[in-house]
Amino acid sequence: MDDEKMTGRHFSGSSSVSEGTAPAGKRFAHAAAPEPEVGSTAPEPAPSPEPEADVQAATVSAGEVVDGSSSTPAVEDGAKALEKKSKRRIALRVLLGVVIVLAVAVAAGAIYINQSIARGRKAFDDSMSQAIEEKGKTVVYNGKTYALNEHMVSVAFIGFDNRTTNSASGNDVAGQSDTIMVVALNTDTGKATGIVIPRDSMVDVDTYISGNYNGTHAMQICLQYSYGSTSEESSELVARCASRVLYGMPIDYYFTLNVEGVGPLNDAVGGVTLVPVQSVPSVGISEGVETTLYGKTAERYVQFRDTSTLTSSLDRQRRQVSYLKAFTSKVLQNATGDPAALLSLYQTAQEYTWTNLGFDQFSYLASTMLAKGMTSFDVVTLDGEMGEGETYAEFHLNQDAVYQTVLDTYYTPVDE
């Protein structure tokens, strides 16, 4: 974007890191003994207090002699009735005990979750207050005034594939962030928007060589992940880079998912049904034919790429977006009947993710967005043009379109 167009924008992007300064890093009450039943037709209880004696007396056949007297059908029936009533009392007490234990557990869980929600809300409020101070509440663009939405939370969702490498980084972390989507959540309205940044977008990437900062260089944003010395640091670098792309909008949280976690998460929601936007022959997925994805098939749908085609990354991106929409729809459908399903999904994801979005913050976001009526997830992809670079494909962002996307997502037009 040229300098003239930038005039009047109140966004203050991240401070330049090319000046030699490295960016900042990172419960059963015991059951009472049964009382003797008044008016029972049963004979006097046997002297032995053990229940086995009663059972034996109740099961003697008619005509047999016990202690010199003959049993009768009435005695037998009365004993059996007493036995059945005793068993029912025991069963009822066990059931009551289970109910009490469950009630205590649910109450304790609710208290914990509510406390987590409160802590999470405070963290988000503090973060947003700082953002408002830094960005200002209004911005003027193309003659329109926009007001900052003051209840926004942004999370960088990063799809990581450790089966690709970038030896140039010289770090222990290998792999690329093949999916980068900034999830913008409006906790006031319940609106959720995902902003997809194409993996081949040419942007300023923070580079390191053997752990030493080497300034920023223009390259595909997917390579930013490989320049961290740990998975957490890599995720932070990608979140910071994505923030620069979105004109410095704050992104305080990241959620990095290894592509190997797609299958388990997919199956955790009962499979995902969608209409494929592109065929994947190796797993029998045909474009336009409604399919329910499970396990490795789901992983293949979002990971497959034909590198012989210039637009292969954009084709894969379209499949990923179609999958994310269908997956999110299934998650929200499950959560409508059982809000705890979101927390269960969060726990399932832990094995395959790196995130600084703790249980407190996640609980707050899940409860708030559902309470505000979140029923859908909108996804927009930053506009630009794909071209051939000297070695790899390069996607050049349309900066005017990027800026308008930021305004449409994080700001609201003000009627004047």
Protein backbone atom coordinates (compact mmCIF):
# COMPACT_ATOMS: atom_id res chain seq x y z
CA MET A 1 0.00 0.00 0.00
CA ASP A 2 1.39 3.43 -0.91
CA ASP A 3 2.16 6.10 1.64
CA GLU A 4 -0.72 8.33 0.63
CA LYS A 5 -3.27 5.64 1.43
CA MET A 6 -1.79 5.10 4.83
CA THR A 7 -2.40 8.74 5.79
CA GLY A 8 -5.03 9.07 8.48
CA ARG A 9 -4.83 5.45 9.65
CA HIS A 10 -4.57 5.17 13.39
CA PHE A 11 -3.13 1.69 13.36
CA SER A 12 0.34 1.55 14.79
CA GLY A 13 2.02 -1.59 13.50
CA SER A 14 4.62 -3.45 15.47
CA SER A 15 7.81 -1.53 15.90
CA SER A 16 10.36 -2.28 13.24
CA VAL A 17 12.65 -5.13 14.11
CA SER A 18 15.07 -4.40 11.30
CA GLU A 19 16.88 -1.82 13.39
CA GLY A 20 18.89 -4.50 15.18
CA THR A 21 16.59 -5.05 18.16
CA ALA A 22 15.25 -8.58 18.54
CA PRO A 23 11.48 -8.83 19.18
CA ALA A 24 10.29 -9.74 22.69
CA GLY A 25 10.06 -13.54 23.41
CA LYS A 26 7.54 -15.06 25.71
CA ARG A 27 -18.13 -36.35 49.25
CA PHE A 28 -21.78 -41.08 51.24
CA ALA A 29 -23.41 -41.10 54.37
CA HIS A 30 -23.41 -44.70 55.57
CA ALA A 31 -26.76 -46.38 54.99
CA ALA A 32 -28.74 -47.13 58.19
CA ALA A 33 -29.49 -50.79 59.02
CA PRO A 34 -32.96 -51.83 57.71
CA GLU A 35 -35.75 -51.64 60.34
CA PRO A 36 -37.96 -54.78 60.87
CA GLU A 37 -41.15 -54.51 58.87
CA VAL A 38 -44.39 -54.19 60.91
CA GLY A 39 -47.11 -56.71 60.09
CA SER A 40 -44.88 -59.00 58.08
CA THR A 41 -46.22 -62.51 57.44
CA ALA A 42 -42.70 -63.89 57.66
CA PRO A 43 -41.79 -66.19 60.59
CA GLU A 44 -39.49 -65.11 63.41
CA PRO A 45 -36.02 -64.48 62.03
CA ALA A 46 -33.42 -67.20 62.50
CA PRO A 47 -31.05 -66.73 65.48
CA SER A 48 -28.10 -66.20 63.20
CA PRO A 49 -27.65 -62.53 62.22
CA GLU A 50 -26.07 -63.51 58.93
CA PRO A 51 -28.28 -63.02 55.86
CA GLU A 52 -27.23 -66.43 54.47
CA ALA A 53 -29.40 -68.17 57.18
CA ASP A 54 -32.52 -66.30 56.09
CA VAL A 55 -31.91 -67.13 52.48
CA GLN A 56 -31.48 -70.83 53.31
CA ALA A 57 -34.77 -70.95 55.28
CA ALA A 58 -36.62 -69.18 52.49
CA THR A 59 -35.51 -71.69 49.89
CA VAL A 60 -36.43 -74.99 51.70
CA SER A 61 -38.78 -77.04 49.54
CA ALA A 62 -42.36 -77.87 50.75
CA GLY A 63 -42.52 -81.09 52.88
CA GLU A 64 -38.90 -80.86 54.14
CA VAL A 65 -38.40 -80.90 57.95
CA VAL A 66 -36.52 -78.04 59.54
CA ASP A 67 -36.17 -78.00 63.39
CA GLY A 68 -38.99 -80.59 63.64
CA SER A 69 -41.58 -78.55 61.72
CA SER A 70 -42.67 -78.63 58.10
CA SER A 71 -42.39 -75.56 55.91
CA THR A 72 -45.44 -74.38 54.03
CA PRO A 73 -45.89 -72.42 50.77
CA ALA A 74 -46.99 -69.35 52.82
CA VAL A 75 -43.74 -69.39 54.75
CA GLU A 76 -41.75 -69.76 51.55
CA ASP A 77 -43.58 -66.92 49.81
CA GLY A 78 -43.22 -64.60 52.80
CA ALA A 79 -39.49 -65.24 53.03
CA LYS A 80 -39.02 -64.58 49.34
CA ALA A 81 -40.98 -61.33 49.60
CA LEU A 82 -38.78 -60.22 52.50
CA GLU A 83 -35.66 -61.05 50.51
CA LYS A 84 -36.86 -59.04 47.51
CA LYS A 85 -37.74 -56.01 49.65
CA SER A 86 -34.35 -56.16 51.32
CA LYS A 87 -32.60 -56.22 47.95
CA ARG A 88 -34.69 -53.27 46.74
CA ARG A 89 -33.73 -51.25 49.83
CA ILE A 90 -30.04 -51.97 49.20
CA ALA A 91 -30.35 -51.01 45.53
CA LEU A 92 -32.15 -47.77 46.41
CA ARG A 93 -29.49 -46.84 48.95
CA VAL A 94 -26.72 -47.50 46.41
CA LEU A 95 -28.54 -45.40 43.82
CA LEU A 96 -29.04 -42.59 46.33
CA GLY A 97 -25.36 -42.70 47.17
CA VAL A 98 -24.37 -42.49 43.52
CA VAL A 99 -26.69 -39.53 42.99
CA ILE A 100 -25.19 -37.73 45.99
CA VAL A 101 -21.65 -38.33 44.77
CA LEU A 102 -22.52 -37.13 41.27
CA ALA A 103 -24.25 -34.05 42.61
CA VAL A 104 -21.22 -33.14 44.67
CA ALA A 105 -18.93 -33.72 41.68
CA VAL A 106 -21.08 -31.61 39.37
CA ALA A 107 -21.27 -28.80 41.92
CA ALA A 108 -17.51 -28.86 42.40
CA GLY A 109 -16.97 -28.91 38.64
CA ALA A 110 -19.36 -26.01 38.13
CA ILE A 111 -17.57 -23.97 40.79
CA TYR A 112 -14.20 -24.69 39.17
CA ILE A 113 -15.43 -23.82 35.70
CA ASN A 114 -17.10 -20.63 36.93
CA GLN A 115 -13.89 -19.62 38.67
CA SER A 116 -11.99 -20.38 35.47
CA ILE A 117 -14.43 -18.28 33.47
CA ALA A 118 -13.97 -15.35 35.88
CA ARG A 119 -10.18 -15.59 35.65
CA GLY A 120 -10.34 -15.85 31.89
CA ARG A 121 -12.61 -12.82 31.58
CA LYS A 122 -10.24 -10.72 33.67
CA ALA A 123 -7.31 -11.73 31.47
CA PHE A 124 -9.20 -10.79 28.31
CA ASP A 125 -10.47 -7.51 29.76
CA ASP A 126 -6.93 -6.52 30.72
CA SER A 127 -5.66 -7.39 27.27
CA MET A 128 -8.40 -5.43 25.48
CA SER A 129 -7.89 -2.37 27.66
CA GLN A 130 -4.27 -2.27 26.62
CA ALA A 131 -5.20 -2.70 22.96
CA ILE A 132 -7.64 0.23 23.09
CA GLU A 133 -4.94 2.43 24.58
CA GLU A 134 -2.52 1.47 21.83
CA LYS A 135 -4.86 1.59 18.83
CA GLY A 136 -7.29 4.35 19.70
CA LYS A 137 -11.07 4.00 19.55
CA THR A 138 -11.71 5.40 16.08
CA VAL A 139 -10.09 5.44 12.66
CA VAL A 140 -10.97 7.32 9.49
CA TYR A 141 -10.60 5.57 6.13
CA ASN A 142 -11.91 6.61 2.72
CA GLY A 143 -14.03 9.30 4.34
CA LYS A 144 -15.68 6.90 6.79
CA THR A 145 -15.26 6.82 10.55
CA TYR A 146 -14.93 3.45 12.23
CA ALA A 147 -15.15 2.69 15.97
CA LEU A 148 -13.10 -0.11 17.51
CA ASN A 149 -15.10 -3.08 18.81
CA GLU A 150 -14.00 -3.17 22.42
CA HIS A 151 -14.83 -6.81 23.14
CA MET A 152 -12.59 -8.61 20.67
CA VAL A 153 -10.36 -11.59 21.42
CA SER A 154 -7.98 -12.89 18.78
CA VAL A 155 -6.39 -16.33 18.62
CA ALA A 156 -3.88 -17.37 15.99
CA PHE A 157 -4.88 -20.85 14.85
CA ILE A 158 -1.82 -22.50 13.35
CA GLY A 159 -1.82 -25.75 11.42
CA PHE A 160 1.63 -27.28 11.78
CA ASP A 161 3.12 -30.07 9.68
CA ASN A 162 6.37 -31.54 11.03
CA ARG A 163 6.90 -33.57 7.88
CA THR A 164 8.33 -30.56 6.09
CA THR A 165 11.58 -28.88 6.98
CA ASN A 166 13.47 -25.67 6.52
CA SER A 167 17.16 -26.27 7.07
CA ALA A 168 17.96 -22.59 6.56
CA SER A 169 16.70 -21.70 10.04
CA GLY A 170 19.40 -23.72 11.79
CA ASN A 171 17.02 -24.37 14.73
CA ASP A 172 15.80 -27.55 16.42
CA VAL A 173 12.18 -26.89 15.40
CA ALA A 174 11.46 -28.13 11.90
CA GLY A 175 8.29 -27.77 9.90
CA GLN A 176 6.06 -25.09 8.49
CA SER A 177 2.80 -23.47 9.48
CA ASP A 178 0.77 -24.52 6.45
CA THR A 179 -2.42 -23.03 7.89
CA ILE A 180 -2.57 -19.63 9.53
CA MET A 181 -5.95 -18.27 10.53
CA VAL A 182 -6.64 -15.47 12.96
CA VAL A 183 -9.85 -16.29 14.85
CA ALA A 184 -11.49 -13.00 15.89
CA LEU A 185 -14.18 -13.43 18.55
CA ASN A 186 -16.58 -10.66 19.54
CA THR A 187 -17.59 -11.58 23.10
CA ASP A 188 -20.29 -8.88 23.05
CA THR A 189 -22.20 -10.05 19.97
CA GLY A 190 -21.10 -13.69 19.73
CA LYS A 191 -19.83 -13.22 16.19
CA ALA A 192 -16.83 -15.32 15.20
CA THR A 193 -14.69 -14.61 12.16
CA GLY A 194 -11.71 -16.49 10.86
CA ILE A 195 -9.22 -14.52 8.76
CA VAL A 196 -7.12 -16.86 6.63
CA ILE A 197 -3.66 -15.69 5.65
CA PRO A 198 -2.45 -17.73 2.65
CA ARG A 199 0.67 -19.75 3.52
CA ASP A 200 2.67 -18.34 0.60
CA SER A 201 1.96 -14.69 1.50
CA MET A 202 5.14 -12.67 1.16
CA VAL A 203 5.56 -10.85 4.45
CA ASP A 204 8.25 -9.64 6.84
CA VAL A 205 9.47 -12.74 8.69
CA ASP A 206 11.64 -12.63 11.83
CA THR A 207 14.67 -14.76 11.05
CA TYR A 208 17.24 -16.48 13.26
CA ILE A 209 20.43 -18.35 12.48
CA SER A 210 21.57 -20.84 15.13
CA GLY A 211 19.41 -19.01 17.66
CA ASN A 212 20.79 -15.56 16.83
CA TYR A 213 18.40 -12.93 15.56
CA ASN A 214 19.06 -12.01 11.95
CA GLY A 215 16.48 -9.30 11.29
CA THR A 216 13.35 -9.46 9.14
CA HIS A 217 13.30 -10.75 5.59
CA ALA A 218 10.55 -10.95 3.00
CA MET A 219 9.50 -14.57 2.51
CA GLN A 220 6.47 -16.86 2.70
CA ILE A 221 4.71 -16.57 6.06
CA CYS A 222 4.64 -20.37 6.37
CA LEU A 223 8.40 -20.26 7.04
CA GLN A 224 8.05 -18.11 10.15
CA TYR A 225 7.30 -21.17 12.30
CA SER A 226 10.64 -22.80 11.60
CA TYR A 227 12.60 -19.89 13.09
CA GLY A 228 11.61 -20.56 16.70
CA SER A 229 13.88 -22.61 18.96
CA THR A 230 10.87 -24.31 20.63
CA SER A 231 7.33 -25.08 19.49
CA GLU A 232 6.00 -22.42 21.85
CA GLU A 233 8.41 -19.80 20.57
CA SER A 234 7.62 -20.72 16.98
CA SER A 235 3.92 -20.26 17.68
CA GLU A 236 4.57 -16.88 19.26
CA LEU A 237 6.57 -15.78 16.24
CA VAL A 238 3.75 -16.75 13.88
CA ALA A 239 1.16 -14.92 16.01
CA ARG A 240 3.34 -11.81 16.02
CA CYS A 241 3.87 -12.02 12.29
CA ALA A 242 0.13 -12.41 11.68
CA SER A 243 -0.47 -9.34 13.83
CA ARG A 244 1.85 -7.33 11.58
CA VAL A 245 -0.07 -8.51 8.52
CA LEU A 246 -3.31 -7.27 10.14
CA TYR A 247 -1.92 -3.82 10.77
CA GLY A 248 -0.87 -4.49 14.34
CA MET A 249 -4.19 -5.78 15.68
CA PRO A 250 -3.32 -7.56 18.95
CA ILE A 251 -3.14 -11.36 18.88
CA ASP A 252 -2.35 -12.49 22.40
CA TYR A 253 -3.13 -16.18 22.04
CA TYR A 254 -2.05 -19.00 19.77
CA PHE A 255 -3.41 -22.52 19.25
CA THR A 256 -1.05 -24.67 17.21
CA LEU A 257 -2.35 -28.01 15.99
CA ASN A 258 -0.15 -30.75 14.56
CA VAL A 259 -1.84 -32.11 11.45
CA GLU A 260 -1.71 -35.58 13.05
CA GLY A 261 -4.37 -34.37 15.52
CA VAL A 262 -6.96 -33.73 12.80
CA GLY A 263 -8.16 -37.34 12.74
CA PRO A 264 -8.63 -37.75 16.52
CA LEU A 265 -10.41 -34.40 16.82
CA ASN A 266 -12.56 -35.20 13.80
CA ASP A 267 -13.63 -38.52 15.34
CA ALA A 268 -14.18 -36.91 18.76
CA VAL A 269 -17.12 -34.97 17.31
CA GLY A 270 -18.55 -38.05 15.58
CA GLY A 271 -17.12 -37.44 12.13
CA VAL A 272 -17.53 -34.46 9.83
CA THR A 273 -19.92 -34.39 6.89
CA LEU A 274 -19.28 -32.02 4.01
CA VAL A 275 -19.43 -31.58 0.26
CA PRO A 276 -15.80 -31.72 -0.92
CA VAL A 277 -14.68 -28.72 -2.95
CA GLN A 278 -11.96 -30.80 -4.58
CA SER A 279 -11.31 -34.49 -5.21
CA VAL A 280 -8.63 -36.39 -3.31
CA PRO A 281 -8.29 -39.62 -5.30
CA SER A 282 -5.94 -41.40 -2.91
CA VAL A 283 -8.71 -41.71 -0.27
CA GLY A 284 -11.75 -41.86 -2.55
CA ILE A 285 -13.00 -38.32 -1.97
CA SER A 286 -14.87 -36.91 -4.97
CA GLU A 287 -15.62 -33.25 -5.54
CA GLY A 288 -19.31 -32.39 -5.07
CA VAL A 289 -20.26 -35.76 -3.54
CA GLU A 290 -21.37 -35.43 0.10
CA THR A 291 -18.99 -37.39 2.30
CA THR A 292 -18.54 -38.06 6.01
CA LEU A 293 -14.89 -37.96 6.93
CA TYR A 294 -13.26 -40.09 9.62
CA GLY A 295 -9.74 -40.49 10.94
CA LYS A 296 -6.92 -40.43 8.41
CA THR A 297 -9.32 -39.57 5.59
CA ALA A 298 -10.09 -36.26 7.30
CA GLU A 299 -6.38 -35.61 7.74
CA ARG A 300 -5.72 -36.38 4.10
CA TYR A 301 -8.49 -34.06 2.94
CA VAL A 302 -6.94 -31.06 4.66
CA GLN A 303 -3.28 -31.98 4.07
CA PHE A 304 -3.09 -33.26 0.48
CA ARG A 305 -1.36 -31.01 -2.02
CA ASP A 306 -0.39 -31.37 -5.65
CA THR A 307 2.88 -29.47 -5.75
CA SER A 308 3.06 -29.66 -9.53
CA THR A 309 0.41 -26.93 -9.70
CA LEU A 310 1.20 -23.29 -8.96
CA THR A 311 -2.06 -22.80 -7.09
CA SER A 312 -1.78 -26.04 -5.10
CA SER A 313 -1.54 -24.24 -1.77
CA LEU A 314 -4.64 -22.18 -2.60
CA ASP A 315 -6.51 -25.35 -3.64
CA ARG A 316 -5.59 -26.99 -0.33
CA GLN A 317 -6.58 -23.82 1.48
CA ARG A 318 -10.08 -24.01 -0.05
CA ARG A 319 -10.43 -27.58 1.23
CA GLN A 320 -9.21 -26.54 4.67
CA VAL A 321 -11.73 -23.71 4.83
CA SER A 322 -14.57 -26.01 3.76
CA TYR A 323 -13.51 -28.51 6.43
CA LEU A 324 -13.18 -25.89 9.18
CA LYS A 325 -16.69 -24.61 8.46
CA ALA A 326 -18.16 -28.13 8.57
CA PHE A 327 -16.15 -29.09 11.66
CA THR A 328 -17.15 -25.93 13.52
CA SER A 329 -20.79 -26.45 12.58
CA LYS A 330 -20.65 -29.99 14.05
CA VAL A 331 -18.95 -28.74 17.21
CA LEU A 332 -21.55 -26.02 17.74
CA GLN A 333 -24.34 -28.53 17.08
CA ASN A 334 -22.94 -30.83 19.76
CA ALA A 335 -22.35 -27.96 22.18
CA THR A 336 -25.96 -26.73 21.87
CA GLY A 337 -27.17 -29.88 23.59
CA ASP A 338 -24.13 -30.28 25.81
CA PRO A 339 -21.93 -27.22 26.44
CA ALA A 340 -19.40 -29.43 28.22
CA ALA A 341 -18.63 -30.99 24.83
CA LEU A 342 -16.38 -28.02 24.07
CA LEU A 343 -14.33 -28.57 27.20
CA SER A 344 -14.03 -32.26 26.37
CA LEU A 345 -12.79 -31.38 22.90
CA TYR A 346 -10.25 -29.01 24.40
CA GLN A 347 -8.90 -31.86 26.54
CA THR A 348 -8.67 -34.16 23.51
CA ALA A 349 -6.68 -31.56 21.63
CA GLN A 350 -4.01 -31.25 24.31
CA GLU A 351 -2.04 -34.22 22.98
CA TYR A 352 -1.63 -32.59 19.60
CA THR A 353 -1.34 -28.88 20.35
CA TRP A 354 0.82 -26.14 21.74
CA THR A 355 -1.15 -23.23 23.14
CA ASN A 356 -1.05 -20.41 25.64
CA LEU A 357 -4.86 -20.38 25.70
CA GLY A 358 -5.35 -22.02 29.11
CA PHE A 359 -8.41 -23.78 30.49
CA ASP A 360 -9.48 -20.55 32.22
CA GLN A 361 -9.51 -18.54 29.03
CA PHE A 362 -11.01 -21.33 26.94
CA SER A 363 -13.85 -21.84 29.47
CA TYR A 364 -14.64 -18.15 29.38
CA LEU A 365 -14.65 -17.95 25.61
CA ALA A 366 -16.75 -21.10 25.16
CA SER A 367 -19.38 -20.08 27.73
CA THR A 368 -19.55 -16.47 26.56
CA MET A 369 -19.79 -17.16 22.85
CA LEU A 370 -22.50 -19.81 23.37
CA ALA A 371 -24.42 -17.51 25.73
CA LYS A 372 -24.32 -14.80 23.07
CA GLY A 373 -25.88 -17.17 20.56
CA MET A 374 -22.92 -18.15 18.41
CA THR A 375 -24.29 -20.54 15.81
CA SER A 376 -21.91 -20.08 12.90
CA PHE A 377 -18.34 -19.35 12.00
CA ASP A 378 -17.57 -16.96 9.17
CA VAL A 379 -14.31 -17.37 7.28
CA VAL A 380 -12.70 -14.80 5.02
CA THR A 381 -9.47 -15.20 3.09
CA LEU A 382 -7.13 -12.31 2.51
CA ASP A 383 -7.15 -11.28 -1.12
CA GLY A 384 -4.07 -11.18 -3.32
CA GLU A 385 -2.37 -12.64 -6.34
CA MET A 386 -0.35 -15.82 -6.74
CA GLY A 387 2.80 -15.74 -8.84
CA GLU A 388 6.00 -17.61 -9.47
CA GLY A 389 8.99 -16.49 -7.46
CA GLU A 390 12.59 -17.28 -8.19
CA THR A 391 12.28 -20.64 -6.45
CA TYR A 392 8.84 -21.01 -4.89
CA ALA A 393 5.30 -19.74 -5.38
CA GLU A 394 4.69 -16.29 -3.95
CA PHE A 395 1.35 -14.79 -2.91
CA HIS A 396 1.27 -11.01 -2.86
CA LEU A 397 -1.40 -9.57 -0.62
CA ASN A 398 -3.73 -6.80 -1.74
CA GLN A 399 -3.02 -4.37 1.07
CA ASP A 400 -6.16 -2.28 0.53
CA ALA A 401 -8.28 -5.44 0.81
CA VAL A 402 -6.36 -6.52 3.90
CA TYR A 403 -6.98 -3.17 5.56
CA GLN A 404 -10.70 -3.27 4.73
CA THR A 405 -10.91 -6.80 6.20
CA VAL A 406 -9.38 -5.49 9.42
CA LEU A 407 -11.92 -2.68 9.57
CA ASP A 408 -14.83 -5.01 8.80
CA THR A 409 -13.74 -7.44 11.51
CA TYR A 410 -12.44 -5.29 14.34
CA TYR A 411 -14.32 -2.02 13.76
CA THR A 412 -17.91 -0.83 13.25
CA PRO A 413 -18.87 2.09 10.94
CA VAL A 414 -20.02 5.15 12.83
CA ASP A 415 -23.10 6.99 11.53
CA GLU A 416 -22.31 10.63 11.23
